[in-house]
Amino acid sequence: MRNWVMVLGLGAVLAACSPLAAKQDATPPAAEAPAPAATPVVSDAWAPPTMGGAKVAAGYMTIANPGGAPDRLVSVASAKAAKVEIHEMKMEGAMMTMAPVPGGVEVPAGGQVALAPGGLHLMLMDLSGPLAIGDTVPVTLTFEKAGAVEATLTVRARDAAGGAESHAH
C-alpha cells in the first residue's frame, strides 16, 4: 500500500511538472491598458469683436500638449455659432488665402500650437449675435485622443500688431 501511495504521489509530481500542465496552469500576461491621453491646456483664448452685424468671427488661442504622445484637434463647437471650423491663412503667390484645415491640427507631444492672426485660427460662423469687448464665447475643442476640452474665448480688441490687447495696466 505504501508503494502505491508513493507511485501516486510521484505521478502527481510528474504531472505537475510536465509541459502540458505548465501550459494549462499558466496565467496569460495581463494586457497593459494604454495610458490615458494628457489633457491639452488652452491659454490666451480670445476673439476680436464683430463689426457691422457680421455673422462670422475668428478665434485664437495657444494649445499645449503636456503628454508624451501627439494629439490632434479634430473639431470645435460653440453654443454661440452654428458652425466652427479650423482654418488656416497662407500666402499662395501674391494672394492670401483662407481655407478649412482637413483632418484637424496636430499638437506635438510636449509641444504647443498657436492659433493666431495670419495663420491657424478658429472660424465661428453664423453667430447667434454680435461679439462685443468683454463678452465670452464658450467652445468645446475635441481631440482625437484626449476627447472634449472646454475653453472660453474672451472678446478683446486687437493691438497694433493684430493680436489681442493685453490686460496689463
N, C-alpha and C. Protein backbone atom coordinates (compact mmCIF):
# COMPACT_ATOMS: atom_id res chain seq x y z
N MET A 1 0.82 -1.18 0.00
CA MET A 1 0.00 0.00 0.00
C MET A 1 0.87 1.25 0.00
N ARG A 2 1.92 1.14 0.78
CA ARG A 2 2.82 2.27 0.87
C ARG A 2 3.41 2.56 -0.50
N ASN A 3 3.75 1.53 -1.28
CA ASN A 3 4.30 1.72 -2.63
C ASN A 3 3.29 2.42 -3.54
N TRP A 4 2.03 2.06 -3.41
CA TRP A 4 1.00 2.70 -4.24
C TRP A 4 0.87 4.19 -3.91
N VAL A 5 0.97 4.53 -2.67
CA VAL A 5 0.89 5.95 -2.27
C VAL A 5 2.08 6.70 -2.87
N MET A 6 3.26 6.07 -2.81
CA MET A 6 4.44 6.71 -3.38
C MET A 6 4.31 6.85 -4.90
N VAL A 7 3.79 5.84 -5.56
CA VAL A 7 3.62 5.89 -7.01
C VAL A 7 2.62 6.98 -7.38
N LEU A 8 1.51 7.02 -6.67
CA LEU A 8 0.51 8.06 -6.95
C LEU A 8 1.08 9.45 -6.67
N GLY A 9 1.82 9.59 -5.59
CA GLY A 9 2.42 10.89 -5.27
C GLY A 9 3.44 11.30 -6.32
N LEU A 10 4.28 10.34 -6.76
CA LEU A 10 5.27 10.62 -7.79
C LEU A 10 4.57 11.00 -9.10
N GLY A 11 3.49 10.29 -9.41
CA GLY A 11 2.74 10.60 -10.63
C GLY A 11 2.16 12.01 -10.58
N ALA A 12 1.66 12.43 -9.43
CA ALA A 12 1.11 13.78 -9.29
C ALA A 12 2.20 14.82 -9.46
N VAL A 13 3.39 14.56 -8.90
CA VAL A 13 4.51 15.49 -9.03
C VAL A 13 4.93 15.59 -10.49
N LEU A 14 5.07 14.45 -11.16
CA LEU A 14 5.48 14.46 -12.57
C LEU A 14 4.44 15.17 -13.44
N ALA A 15 3.17 14.94 -13.17
CA ALA A 15 2.12 15.60 -13.96
C ALA A 15 2.17 17.10 -13.77
N ALA A 16 2.44 17.55 -12.56
CA ALA A 16 2.50 18.98 -12.29
C ALA A 16 3.69 19.62 -12.98
N CYS A 17 4.74 18.85 -13.21
CA CYS A 17 5.95 19.39 -13.83
C CYS A 17 5.96 19.26 -15.34
N SER A 18 5.00 18.56 -15.89
CA SER A 18 5.02 18.35 -17.34
C SER A 18 4.74 19.65 -18.08
N PRO A 19 5.25 19.79 -19.31
CA PRO A 19 4.99 20.99 -20.10
C PRO A 19 3.50 21.22 -20.33
N LEU A 20 2.72 20.16 -20.49
CA LEU A 20 1.30 20.30 -20.70
C LEU A 20 0.65 20.94 -19.48
N ALA A 21 1.05 20.49 -18.29
CA ALA A 21 0.49 21.07 -17.07
C ALA A 21 0.90 22.52 -16.94
N ALA A 22 2.13 22.82 -17.33
CA ALA A 22 2.59 24.21 -17.23
C ALA A 22 1.76 25.10 -18.13
N LYS A 23 1.43 24.60 -19.33
CA LYS A 23 0.62 25.41 -20.24
C LYS A 23 -0.78 25.62 -19.69
N GLN A 24 -1.34 24.61 -19.08
CA GLN A 24 -2.69 24.72 -18.56
C GLN A 24 -2.75 25.66 -17.37
N ASP A 25 -1.71 25.65 -16.54
CA ASP A 25 -1.72 26.46 -15.33
C ASP A 25 -1.23 27.88 -15.57
N ALA A 26 -0.58 28.12 -16.70
CA ALA A 26 -0.02 29.45 -16.95
C ALA A 26 -1.14 30.48 -17.07
N THR A 27 -0.96 31.56 -16.40
CA THR A 27 -1.92 32.66 -16.49
C THR A 27 -1.42 33.58 -17.59
N PRO A 28 -2.30 33.96 -18.54
CA PRO A 28 -1.82 34.85 -19.60
C PRO A 28 -1.38 36.18 -19.01
N PRO A 29 -0.35 36.78 -19.59
CA PRO A 29 0.11 38.06 -19.06
C PRO A 29 -1.00 39.11 -19.20
N ALA A 30 -1.09 39.95 -18.21
CA ALA A 30 -2.12 41.00 -18.23
C ALA A 30 -1.78 41.99 -19.33
N ALA A 31 -2.76 42.30 -20.16
CA ALA A 31 -2.54 43.30 -21.21
C ALA A 31 -2.46 44.67 -20.56
N GLU A 32 -1.47 45.43 -20.96
CA GLU A 32 -1.34 46.77 -20.40
C GLU A 32 -2.34 47.69 -21.08
N ALA A 33 -3.10 48.40 -20.27
CA ALA A 33 -4.05 49.37 -20.82
C ALA A 33 -3.26 50.56 -21.32
N PRO A 34 -3.66 51.13 -22.45
CA PRO A 34 -2.93 52.30 -22.93
C PRO A 34 -3.06 53.45 -21.93
N ALA A 35 -2.00 54.19 -21.78
CA ALA A 35 -2.02 55.32 -20.86
C ALA A 35 -3.04 56.34 -21.37
N PRO A 36 -3.81 56.94 -20.46
CA PRO A 36 -4.78 57.93 -20.92
C PRO A 36 -4.05 59.13 -21.51
N ALA A 37 -4.66 59.75 -22.50
CA ALA A 37 -4.06 60.92 -23.14
C ALA A 37 -4.05 62.07 -22.15
N ALA A 38 -2.99 62.86 -22.20
CA ALA A 38 -2.92 64.04 -21.34
C ALA A 38 -3.93 65.07 -21.84
N THR A 39 -4.52 65.80 -20.91
CA THR A 39 -5.48 66.83 -21.30
C THR A 39 -4.74 68.05 -21.82
N PRO A 40 -5.02 68.45 -23.06
CA PRO A 40 -4.40 69.66 -23.59
C PRO A 40 -4.77 70.89 -22.74
N VAL A 41 -3.85 71.84 -22.68
CA VAL A 41 -4.05 73.05 -21.90
C VAL A 41 -4.21 74.23 -22.86
N VAL A 42 -5.34 74.94 -22.71
CA VAL A 42 -5.63 76.09 -23.57
C VAL A 42 -5.30 77.36 -22.81
N SER A 43 -4.58 78.27 -23.45
CA SER A 43 -4.27 79.57 -22.83
C SER A 43 -4.47 80.68 -23.85
N ASP A 44 -4.57 81.89 -23.35
CA ASP A 44 -4.72 83.10 -24.16
C ASP A 44 -5.79 82.93 -25.24
N ALA A 45 -6.96 82.45 -24.86
CA ALA A 45 -8.06 82.23 -25.81
C ALA A 45 -8.86 83.53 -25.95
N TRP A 46 -8.96 84.02 -27.19
CA TRP A 46 -9.65 85.29 -27.40
C TRP A 46 -10.26 85.37 -28.79
N ALA A 47 -11.13 86.34 -28.96
CA ALA A 47 -11.74 86.63 -30.26
C ALA A 47 -11.89 88.15 -30.35
N PRO A 48 -11.73 88.71 -31.54
CA PRO A 48 -11.97 90.14 -31.70
C PRO A 48 -13.47 90.42 -31.76
N PRO A 49 -13.88 91.64 -31.45
CA PRO A 49 -15.30 91.97 -31.56
C PRO A 49 -15.75 91.96 -33.02
N THR A 50 -17.03 91.68 -33.23
CA THR A 50 -17.57 91.73 -34.60
C THR A 50 -18.01 93.17 -34.88
N MET A 51 -17.98 93.52 -36.13
CA MET A 51 -18.36 94.87 -36.55
C MET A 51 -19.49 94.81 -37.55
N GLY A 52 -20.38 95.79 -37.52
CA GLY A 52 -21.40 95.96 -38.55
C GLY A 52 -22.31 94.75 -38.76
N GLY A 53 -22.67 94.07 -37.72
CA GLY A 53 -23.59 92.94 -37.86
C GLY A 53 -22.99 91.70 -38.50
N ALA A 54 -21.66 91.60 -38.50
CA ALA A 54 -21.00 90.43 -39.08
C ALA A 54 -21.48 89.16 -38.37
N LYS A 55 -21.67 88.10 -39.13
CA LYS A 55 -22.13 86.82 -38.59
C LYS A 55 -20.98 85.81 -38.47
N VAL A 56 -19.75 86.27 -38.67
CA VAL A 56 -18.57 85.41 -38.53
C VAL A 56 -17.54 86.11 -37.65
N ALA A 57 -16.74 85.30 -36.99
CA ALA A 57 -15.65 85.83 -36.16
C ALA A 57 -14.53 84.80 -36.12
N ALA A 58 -13.35 85.28 -35.81
CA ALA A 58 -12.20 84.39 -35.66
C ALA A 58 -11.97 84.13 -34.18
N GLY A 59 -11.33 83.02 -33.87
CA GLY A 59 -10.96 82.70 -32.50
C GLY A 59 -9.51 82.27 -32.47
N TYR A 60 -8.81 82.70 -31.42
CA TYR A 60 -7.38 82.44 -31.31
C TYR A 60 -7.06 81.88 -29.93
N MET A 61 -5.98 81.12 -29.85
CA MET A 61 -5.55 80.53 -28.57
C MET A 61 -4.22 79.82 -28.77
N THR A 62 -3.64 79.43 -27.66
CA THR A 62 -2.47 78.55 -27.68
C THR A 62 -2.90 77.25 -27.03
N ILE A 63 -2.58 76.14 -27.68
CA ILE A 63 -2.92 74.81 -27.16
C ILE A 63 -1.62 74.08 -26.87
N ALA A 64 -1.42 73.71 -25.61
CA ALA A 64 -0.23 72.97 -25.20
C ALA A 64 -0.61 71.52 -24.93
N ASN A 65 0.27 70.61 -25.31
CA ASN A 65 0.06 69.18 -25.08
C ASN A 65 1.13 68.70 -24.09
N PRO A 66 0.76 68.54 -22.81
CA PRO A 66 1.75 68.10 -21.82
C PRO A 66 2.06 66.60 -21.89
N GLY A 67 1.37 65.88 -22.75
CA GLY A 67 1.53 64.43 -22.84
C GLY A 67 2.77 64.00 -23.59
N GLY A 68 3.02 62.71 -23.53
CA GLY A 68 4.17 62.12 -24.19
C GLY A 68 3.88 61.63 -25.59
N ALA A 69 2.65 61.85 -26.07
CA ALA A 69 2.27 61.43 -27.43
C ALA A 69 1.54 62.59 -28.11
N PRO A 70 1.70 62.73 -29.41
CA PRO A 70 0.97 63.81 -30.11
C PRO A 70 -0.54 63.57 -30.03
N ASP A 71 -1.29 64.64 -30.14
CA ASP A 71 -2.75 64.55 -30.21
C ASP A 71 -3.19 65.46 -31.34
N ARG A 72 -4.42 65.35 -31.74
CA ARG A 72 -4.92 66.12 -32.88
C ARG A 72 -6.23 66.78 -32.52
N LEU A 73 -6.31 68.10 -32.71
CA LEU A 73 -7.56 68.84 -32.58
C LEU A 73 -8.35 68.54 -33.85
N VAL A 74 -9.48 67.84 -33.68
CA VAL A 74 -10.23 67.39 -34.86
C VAL A 74 -11.51 68.18 -35.11
N SER A 75 -12.08 68.80 -34.06
CA SER A 75 -13.28 69.60 -34.28
C SER A 75 -13.48 70.57 -33.13
N VAL A 76 -14.32 71.58 -33.40
CA VAL A 76 -14.65 72.60 -32.41
C VAL A 76 -16.12 72.92 -32.55
N ALA A 77 -16.77 73.19 -31.42
CA ALA A 77 -18.18 73.58 -31.43
C ALA A 77 -18.39 74.70 -30.42
N SER A 78 -19.44 75.49 -30.63
CA SER A 78 -19.78 76.57 -29.70
C SER A 78 -21.28 76.80 -29.73
N ALA A 79 -21.83 77.09 -28.57
CA ALA A 79 -23.26 77.41 -28.48
C ALA A 79 -23.56 78.76 -29.14
N LYS A 80 -22.54 79.60 -29.36
CA LYS A 80 -22.75 80.92 -29.95
C LYS A 80 -22.57 80.95 -31.47
N ALA A 81 -22.27 79.79 -32.06
CA ALA A 81 -22.09 79.73 -33.51
C ALA A 81 -22.69 78.43 -34.04
N ALA A 82 -23.34 78.53 -35.19
CA ALA A 82 -23.94 77.32 -35.79
C ALA A 82 -22.86 76.35 -36.22
N LYS A 83 -21.68 76.87 -36.58
CA LYS A 83 -20.61 76.02 -37.08
C LYS A 83 -19.27 76.66 -36.71
N VAL A 84 -18.31 75.83 -36.33
CA VAL A 84 -16.95 76.30 -36.07
C VAL A 84 -16.00 75.42 -36.86
N GLU A 85 -15.13 76.04 -37.63
CA GLU A 85 -14.12 75.29 -38.40
C GLU A 85 -12.73 75.74 -38.00
N ILE A 86 -11.78 74.85 -38.21
CA ILE A 86 -10.37 75.17 -38.01
C ILE A 86 -9.86 75.62 -39.38
N HIS A 87 -9.38 76.85 -39.46
CA HIS A 87 -8.93 77.43 -40.74
C HIS A 87 -7.45 77.76 -40.68
N GLU A 88 -6.91 77.93 -41.87
CA GLU A 88 -5.52 78.36 -42.00
C GLU A 88 -5.44 79.44 -43.07
N MET A 89 -4.70 80.49 -42.75
CA MET A 89 -4.41 81.52 -43.75
C MET A 89 -2.99 81.29 -44.23
N LYS A 90 -2.79 81.39 -45.54
CA LYS A 90 -1.43 81.24 -46.07
C LYS A 90 -1.33 81.97 -47.39
N MET A 91 -0.12 82.31 -47.74
CA MET A 91 0.15 83.01 -49.00
C MET A 91 0.24 81.98 -50.13
N GLU A 92 -0.49 82.25 -51.19
CA GLU A 92 -0.38 81.47 -52.42
C GLU A 92 -0.04 82.46 -53.52
N GLY A 93 1.25 82.50 -53.84
CA GLY A 93 1.73 83.53 -54.76
C GLY A 93 1.65 84.87 -54.06
N ALA A 94 0.96 85.82 -54.67
CA ALA A 94 0.83 87.15 -54.08
C ALA A 94 -0.51 87.30 -53.36
N MET A 95 -1.25 86.20 -53.21
CA MET A 95 -2.58 86.29 -52.62
C MET A 95 -2.66 85.52 -51.31
N MET A 96 -3.27 86.15 -50.30
CA MET A 96 -3.53 85.48 -49.02
C MET A 96 -4.81 84.69 -49.18
N THR A 97 -4.76 83.40 -48.82
CA THR A 97 -5.95 82.56 -48.89
C THR A 97 -6.30 82.03 -47.50
N MET A 98 -7.57 81.68 -47.34
CA MET A 98 -8.03 81.09 -46.08
C MET A 98 -8.90 79.90 -46.43
N ALA A 99 -8.67 78.79 -45.74
CA ALA A 99 -9.45 77.59 -46.02
C ALA A 99 -9.46 76.69 -44.80
N PRO A 100 -10.49 75.82 -44.70
CA PRO A 100 -10.51 74.84 -43.60
C PRO A 100 -9.29 73.92 -43.68
N VAL A 101 -8.86 73.45 -42.52
CA VAL A 101 -7.73 72.52 -42.44
C VAL A 101 -8.31 71.11 -42.40
N PRO A 102 -8.15 70.35 -43.48
CA PRO A 102 -8.69 68.99 -43.47
C PRO A 102 -7.96 68.10 -42.46
N GLY A 103 -8.71 67.35 -41.68
CA GLY A 103 -8.10 66.42 -40.73
C GLY A 103 -7.68 67.02 -39.41
N GLY A 104 -7.86 68.32 -39.24
CA GLY A 104 -7.53 68.95 -37.96
C GLY A 104 -6.08 69.36 -37.85
N VAL A 105 -5.68 69.67 -36.62
CA VAL A 105 -4.34 70.20 -36.35
C VAL A 105 -3.64 69.34 -35.31
N GLU A 106 -2.45 68.86 -35.64
CA GLU A 106 -1.67 68.07 -34.69
C GLU A 106 -1.02 68.98 -33.66
N VAL A 107 -1.11 68.55 -32.39
CA VAL A 107 -0.42 69.23 -31.30
C VAL A 107 0.66 68.25 -30.84
N PRO A 108 1.94 68.61 -31.07
CA PRO A 108 3.01 67.66 -30.79
C PRO A 108 3.15 67.32 -29.31
N ALA A 109 3.66 66.14 -29.03
CA ALA A 109 3.91 65.71 -27.65
C ALA A 109 4.85 66.70 -26.98
N GLY A 110 4.47 67.18 -25.81
CA GLY A 110 5.30 68.12 -25.08
C GLY A 110 5.43 69.47 -25.75
N GLY A 111 4.63 69.73 -26.77
CA GLY A 111 4.73 70.98 -27.52
C GLY A 111 3.44 71.76 -27.50
N GLN A 112 3.37 72.74 -28.38
CA GLN A 112 2.17 73.56 -28.46
C GLN A 112 1.93 74.05 -29.87
N VAL A 113 0.71 74.50 -30.10
CA VAL A 113 0.31 75.07 -31.38
C VAL A 113 -0.37 76.40 -31.09
N ALA A 114 0.00 77.42 -31.84
CA ALA A 114 -0.63 78.73 -31.69
C ALA A 114 -1.65 78.93 -32.80
N LEU A 115 -2.88 79.25 -32.40
CA LEU A 115 -3.90 79.67 -33.34
C LEU A 115 -3.90 81.19 -33.22
N ALA A 116 -3.37 81.88 -34.23
CA ALA A 116 -3.10 83.31 -34.13
C ALA A 116 -3.46 84.01 -35.44
N PRO A 117 -3.67 85.33 -35.37
CA PRO A 117 -3.98 86.08 -36.59
C PRO A 117 -2.91 85.82 -37.67
N GLY A 118 -3.38 85.61 -38.90
CA GLY A 118 -2.48 85.39 -40.02
C GLY A 118 -2.07 83.94 -40.23
N GLY A 119 -2.56 83.02 -39.40
CA GLY A 119 -2.19 81.61 -39.54
C GLY A 119 -3.38 80.72 -39.21
N LEU A 120 -3.11 79.70 -38.42
CA LEU A 120 -4.19 78.83 -37.96
C LEU A 120 -5.12 79.63 -37.05
N HIS A 121 -6.42 79.37 -37.15
CA HIS A 121 -7.40 80.04 -36.28
C HIS A 121 -8.72 79.29 -36.34
N LEU A 122 -9.62 79.62 -35.43
CA LEU A 122 -10.97 79.10 -35.47
C LEU A 122 -11.82 80.07 -36.26
N MET A 123 -12.75 79.58 -37.03
CA MET A 123 -13.70 80.42 -37.75
C MET A 123 -15.09 80.08 -37.22
N LEU A 124 -15.67 81.02 -36.47
CA LEU A 124 -17.01 80.86 -35.91
C LEU A 124 -17.99 81.43 -36.91
N MET A 125 -18.90 80.60 -37.39
CA MET A 125 -19.81 81.01 -38.47
C MET A 125 -21.26 80.99 -38.03
N ASP A 126 -22.03 81.90 -38.59
CA ASP A 126 -23.45 82.06 -38.28
C ASP A 126 -23.63 82.28 -36.78
N LEU A 127 -22.98 83.34 -36.28
CA LEU A 127 -23.05 83.69 -34.86
C LEU A 127 -24.49 83.97 -34.44
N SER A 128 -24.81 83.65 -33.20
CA SER A 128 -26.16 83.91 -32.68
C SER A 128 -26.36 85.38 -32.33
N GLY A 129 -25.29 86.14 -32.30
CA GLY A 129 -25.37 87.58 -32.03
C GLY A 129 -23.99 88.19 -32.14
N PRO A 130 -23.91 89.52 -32.07
CA PRO A 130 -22.60 90.18 -32.19
C PRO A 130 -21.71 89.88 -30.99
N LEU A 131 -20.42 90.02 -31.19
CA LEU A 131 -19.44 89.85 -30.12
C LEU A 131 -18.90 91.23 -29.75
N ALA A 132 -19.08 91.61 -28.48
CA ALA A 132 -18.61 92.91 -28.00
C ALA A 132 -17.48 92.70 -27.00
N ILE A 133 -16.61 93.69 -26.87
CA ILE A 133 -15.49 93.60 -25.93
C ILE A 133 -16.04 93.25 -24.55
N GLY A 134 -15.42 92.24 -23.94
CA GLY A 134 -15.83 91.78 -22.62
C GLY A 134 -16.72 90.55 -22.66
N ASP A 135 -17.35 90.27 -23.81
CA ASP A 135 -18.17 89.06 -23.94
C ASP A 135 -17.26 87.83 -23.85
N THR A 136 -17.89 86.69 -23.59
CA THR A 136 -17.16 85.42 -23.63
C THR A 136 -17.88 84.47 -24.57
N VAL A 137 -17.10 83.60 -25.18
CA VAL A 137 -17.63 82.61 -26.13
C VAL A 137 -17.14 81.23 -25.68
N PRO A 138 -18.06 80.39 -25.17
CA PRO A 138 -17.63 79.04 -24.79
C PRO A 138 -17.39 78.20 -26.04
N VAL A 139 -16.32 77.41 -26.02
CA VAL A 139 -16.04 76.50 -27.12
C VAL A 139 -15.67 75.13 -26.55
N THR A 140 -16.01 74.10 -27.30
CA THR A 140 -15.61 72.74 -26.94
C THR A 140 -14.67 72.26 -28.03
N LEU A 141 -13.44 72.00 -27.63
CA LEU A 141 -12.41 71.50 -28.55
C LEU A 141 -12.41 69.98 -28.41
N THR A 142 -12.47 69.28 -29.51
CA THR A 142 -12.45 67.81 -29.45
C THR A 142 -11.15 67.31 -30.05
N PHE A 143 -10.42 66.55 -29.22
CA PHE A 143 -9.14 66.00 -29.62
C PHE A 143 -9.29 64.51 -29.90
N GLU A 144 -8.48 64.02 -30.82
CA GLU A 144 -8.53 62.62 -31.22
C GLU A 144 -8.33 61.67 -30.03
N LYS A 145 -7.38 61.97 -29.16
CA LYS A 145 -7.08 61.10 -28.03
C LYS A 145 -7.66 61.60 -26.71
N ALA A 146 -7.53 62.88 -26.43
CA ALA A 146 -7.94 63.42 -25.13
C ALA A 146 -9.45 63.66 -25.04
N GLY A 147 -10.13 63.69 -26.18
CA GLY A 147 -11.58 63.94 -26.15
C GLY A 147 -11.90 65.41 -26.02
N ALA A 148 -13.03 65.71 -25.38
CA ALA A 148 -13.54 67.09 -25.30
C ALA A 148 -12.83 67.90 -24.22
N VAL A 149 -12.46 69.12 -24.58
CA VAL A 149 -11.84 70.07 -23.66
C VAL A 149 -12.61 71.38 -23.79
N GLU A 150 -13.11 71.89 -22.67
CA GLU A 150 -13.86 73.14 -22.68
C GLU A 150 -12.90 74.32 -22.56
N ALA A 151 -13.20 75.39 -23.27
CA ALA A 151 -12.40 76.62 -23.19
C ALA A 151 -13.34 77.80 -23.40
N THR A 152 -12.86 78.99 -23.08
CA THR A 152 -13.66 80.20 -23.25
C THR A 152 -12.82 81.25 -23.95
N LEU A 153 -13.36 81.77 -25.06
CA LEU A 153 -12.73 82.88 -25.75
C LEU A 153 -13.23 84.17 -25.11
N THR A 154 -12.34 85.07 -24.76
CA THR A 154 -12.71 86.38 -24.24
C THR A 154 -12.64 87.37 -25.41
N VAL A 155 -13.67 88.16 -25.61
CA VAL A 155 -13.68 89.11 -26.71
C VAL A 155 -12.86 90.33 -26.29
N ARG A 156 -11.78 90.59 -27.05
CA ARG A 156 -10.86 91.69 -26.77
C ARG A 156 -10.52 92.42 -28.06
N ALA A 157 -10.14 93.68 -27.93
CA ALA A 157 -9.71 94.45 -29.09
C ALA A 157 -8.35 93.96 -29.54
N ARG A 158 -8.09 94.11 -30.83
CA ARG A 158 -6.77 93.77 -31.36
C ARG A 158 -5.79 94.88 -31.01
N ASP A 159 -4.50 94.50 -30.84
CA ASP A 159 -3.47 95.53 -30.66
C ASP A 159 -2.96 95.94 -32.04
N ALA A 160 -1.99 96.81 -32.09
CA ALA A 160 -1.49 97.31 -33.38
C ALA A 160 -0.86 96.21 -34.22
N ALA A 161 -0.38 95.15 -33.57
CA ALA A 161 0.27 94.05 -34.30
C ALA A 161 -0.75 93.00 -34.77
N GLY A 162 -2.03 93.19 -34.42
CA GLY A 162 -3.05 92.25 -34.86
C GLY A 162 -3.45 91.24 -33.82
N GLY A 163 -2.69 91.19 -32.70
CA GLY A 163 -3.04 90.27 -31.61
C GLY A 163 -4.00 90.94 -30.65
N ALA A 164 -4.29 90.29 -29.56
CA ALA A 164 -5.19 90.85 -28.55
C ALA A 164 -4.44 91.86 -27.69
N GLU A 165 -5.13 92.92 -27.32
CA GLU A 165 -4.53 93.87 -26.38
C GLU A 165 -4.38 93.17 -25.05
N SER A 166 -3.30 93.49 -24.37
CA SER A 166 -3.08 92.84 -23.07
C SER A 166 -3.91 93.54 -22.01
N HIS A 167 -4.09 92.82 -20.90
CA HIS A 167 -4.86 93.38 -19.80
C HIS A 167 -3.99 94.09 -18.78
N ALA A 168 -2.68 94.15 -19.02
CA ALA A 168 -1.77 94.78 -18.06
C ALA A 168 -2.04 96.28 -18.01
N HIS A 169 -1.97 96.82 -16.83
CA HIS A 169 -2.17 98.28 -16.67
C HIS A 169 -0.91 98.93 -16.20
